[in-house]
Structure formats: C-alpha cells, structure tokens
C-alpha atoms as a PDB file:
ATOM      1  CA  MET A   1       0.041  -0.009   0.097  1.00  0.00           C
ATOM      2  CA  ASP A   2       1.275   3.469  -0.804  1.00  0.00           C
ATOM      3  CA  LYS A   3       2.519   5.297   2.240  1.00  0.00           C
ATOM      4  CA  ASN A   4       0.645   8.565   1.218  1.00  0.00           C
ATOM      5  CA  LYS A   5      -2.732   6.590   0.943  1.00  0.00           C
ATOM      6  CA  PHE A   6      -2.099   4.903   4.275  1.00  0.00           C
ATOM      7  CA  HIS A   7      -1.343   8.170   6.024  1.00  0.00           C
ATOM      8  CA  THR A   8      -4.609   9.840   4.534  1.00  0.00           C
ATOM      9  CA  LEU A   9      -6.658   6.792   5.733  1.00  0.00           C
ATOM     10  CA  GLN A  10      -4.958   7.109   9.263  1.00  0.00           C
ATOM     11  CA  LYS A  11      -5.977  10.634   9.504  1.00  0.00           C
ATOM     12  CA  LYS A  12      -9.578   9.908   8.267  1.00  0.00           C
ATOM     13  CA  ALA A  13      -9.989   7.210  10.862  1.00  0.00           C
ATOM     14  CA  SER A  14      -8.597   9.424  13.732  1.00  0.00           C
ATOM     15  CA  ALA A  15     -10.945  12.090  12.882  1.00  0.00           C
ATOM     16  CA  GLN A  16     -13.959   9.807  13.026  1.00  0.00           C
ATOM     17  CA  MET A  17     -12.935   8.285  16.166  1.00  0.00           C
ATOM     18  CA  SER A  18     -12.461  11.842  17.653  1.00  0.00           C
ATOM     19  CA  GLY A  19     -15.995  12.621  16.685  1.00  0.00           C
ATOM     20  CA  THR A  20     -17.496   9.457  18.111  1.00  0.00           C
ATOM     21  CA  MET A  21     -15.487  10.136  21.398  1.00  0.00           C
ATOM     22  CA  THR A  22     -16.922  13.675  21.696  1.00  0.00           C
ATOM     23  CA  ALA A  23     -20.463  12.308  21.112  1.00  0.00           C
ATOM     24  CA  LEU A  24     -20.065   9.784  23.810  1.00  0.00           C
ATOM     25  CA  ILE A  25     -18.699  12.093  26.343  1.00  0.00           C
ATOM     26  CA  THR A  26     -21.468  14.733  25.694  1.00  0.00           C
ATOM     27  CA  GLY A  27     -23.971  11.761  26.151  1.00  0.00           C
ATOM     28  CA  LEU A  28     -22.621  10.892  29.434  1.00  0.00           C
ATOM     29  CA  ILE A  29     -22.630  14.409  30.593  1.00  0.00           C
ATOM     30  CA  VAL A  30     -26.176  14.949  29.547  1.00  0.00           C
ATOM     31  CA  VAL A  31     -27.375  11.743  31.162  1.00  0.00           C
ATOM     32  CA  VAL A  32     -25.728  12.585  34.486  1.00  0.00           C
ATOM     33  CA  LEU A  33     -27.278  16.028  34.572  1.00  0.00           C
ATOM     34  CA  ALA A  34     -30.572  14.614  33.545  1.00  0.00           C
ATOM     35  CA  THR A  35     -30.489  12.032  36.468  1.00  0.00           C
ATOM     36  CA  ALA A  36     -29.263  14.742  38.827  1.00  0.00           C
ATOM     37  CA  LEU A  37     -32.033  17.229  37.990  1.00  0.00           C
ATOM     38  CA  ALA A  38     -34.866  14.739  37.539  1.00  0.00           C
ATOM     39  CA  PRO A  39     -35.760  14.070  41.116  1.00  0.00           C
ATOM     40  CA  GLU A  40     -35.770  17.824  41.991  1.00  0.00           C
ATOM     41  CA  MET A  41     -38.082  18.435  39.090  1.00  0.00           C
ATOM     42  CA  PHE A  42     -40.444  15.558  40.011  1.00  0.00           C
ATOM     43  CA  THR A  43     -40.364  16.551  43.805  1.00  0.00           C
ATOM     44  CA  ASN A  44     -41.512  19.954  42.966  1.00  0.00           C
ATOM     45  CA  VAL A  45     -44.305  18.721  41.014  1.00  0.00           C
ATOM     46  CA  ALA A  46     -45.332  16.365  43.784  1.00  0.00           C
ATOM     47  CA  GLY A  47     -45.667  19.522  46.024  1.00  0.00           C
ATOM     48  CA  LEU A  48     -48.399  20.810  43.761  1.00  0.00           C
ATOM     49  CA  GLU A  49     -50.608  17.795  44.377  1.00  0.00           C
ATOM     50  CA  GLY A  50     -51.582  19.008  47.962  1.00  0.00           C
ATOM     51  CA  GLU A  51     -52.314  22.557  46.767  1.00  0.00           C
ATOM     52  CA  GLU A  52     -55.935  23.846  46.895  1.00  0.00           C
ATOM     53  CA  ASP A  53     -55.739  26.197  43.994  1.00  0.00           C
ATOM     54  CA  VAL A  54     -54.124  23.467  41.557  1.00  0.00           C
ATOM     55  CA  PRO A  55     -56.465  21.383  39.359  1.00  0.00           C
ATOM     56  CA  THR A  56     -56.135  17.785  39.893  1.00  0.00           C
ATOM     57  CA  TRP A  57     -55.013  17.117  36.184  1.00  0.00           C
ATOM     58  CA  VAL A  58     -52.016  19.641  36.336  1.00  0.00           C
ATOM     59  CA  PRO A  59     -49.589  17.356  38.280  1.00  0.00           C
ATOM     60  CA  THR A  60     -50.348  14.342  36.040  1.00  0.00           C
ATOM     61  CA  VAL A  61     -49.699  16.431  32.981  1.00  0.00           C
ATOM     62  CA  LEU A  62     -46.469  17.934  34.387  1.00  0.00           C
ATOM     63  CA  TYR A  63     -45.177  14.466  35.322  1.00  0.00           C
ATOM     64  CA  LEU A  64     -45.617  13.397  31.676  1.00  0.00           C
ATOM     65  CA  ILE A  65     -44.141  16.633  30.204  1.00  0.00           C
ATOM     66  CA  ILE A  66     -41.009  16.342  32.407  1.00  0.00           C
ATOM     67  CA  GLY A  67     -40.585  12.537  31.711  1.00  0.00           C
ATOM     68  CA  ALA A  68     -41.135  12.877  28.038  1.00  0.00           C
ATOM     69  CA  GLY A  69     -38.802  15.913  27.806  1.00  0.00           C
ATOM     70  CA  LEU A  70     -35.972  13.986  29.612  1.00  0.00           C
ATOM     71  CA  VAL A  71     -36.246  10.948  27.453  1.00  0.00           C
ATOM     72  CA  PHE A  72     -36.396  13.189  24.218  1.00  0.00           C
ATOM     73  CA  LEU A  73     -33.384  15.135  25.447  1.00  0.00           C
ATOM     74  CA  ILE A  74     -31.357  11.984  26.062  1.00  0.00           C
ATOM     75  CA  TRP A  75     -32.544  10.398  22.848  1.00  0.00           C
ATOM     76  CA  ARG A  76     -31.597  13.554  20.802  1.00  0.00           C
ATOM     77  CA  VAL A  77     -28.109  13.670  22.129  1.00  0.00           C
ATOM     78  CA  PHE A  78     -27.218  10.136  21.318  1.00  0.00           C
ATOM     79  CA  LEU A  79     -28.807  10.390  17.815  1.00  0.00           C
ATOM     80  CA  LYS A  80     -26.536  13.323  16.551  1.00  0.00           C
END
C-alpha cells in the first residue's frame, strides 16, 4: 500500500474516532445532568398535588411533560 494513501486513511479514521468520543462524552454528561435534576423536578411537581388552587390534572400532565422531555433530550443527544 502506498505510504501517502495509508497516511490519509489514518488521518480519516482518527477524525472519525475523535467525533465518536466527543459524542459519547457529551451523551454521558447529559445523562448525568438529567439524572441529577430529574428528582428535583419531580419533587417540585409532587408539592403541587396538595395545593388547593391547583386542578387535579395539572400534576399528572407535568409528570408526563417532564418525563417525555428528559427522554427526548437523552434520545436527541445520542442520535446526533
């Protein structure tokens, strides 16, 4: 194999590996942040359940919105 072609292929593989590692590290950071913040968000919604002025359907809808938002956030990060 020609040395110049081999060197070009090495550079191309190195660039692809760098992009993959960046994506994995970014994904890991987002997952850690989501799991750290999720309990706080769900706890705040649970505090709404005992309030008199809040309709009964609001906490249920907020649980769904927060859960779906976290799932789609993590899904989007890993699909990039």
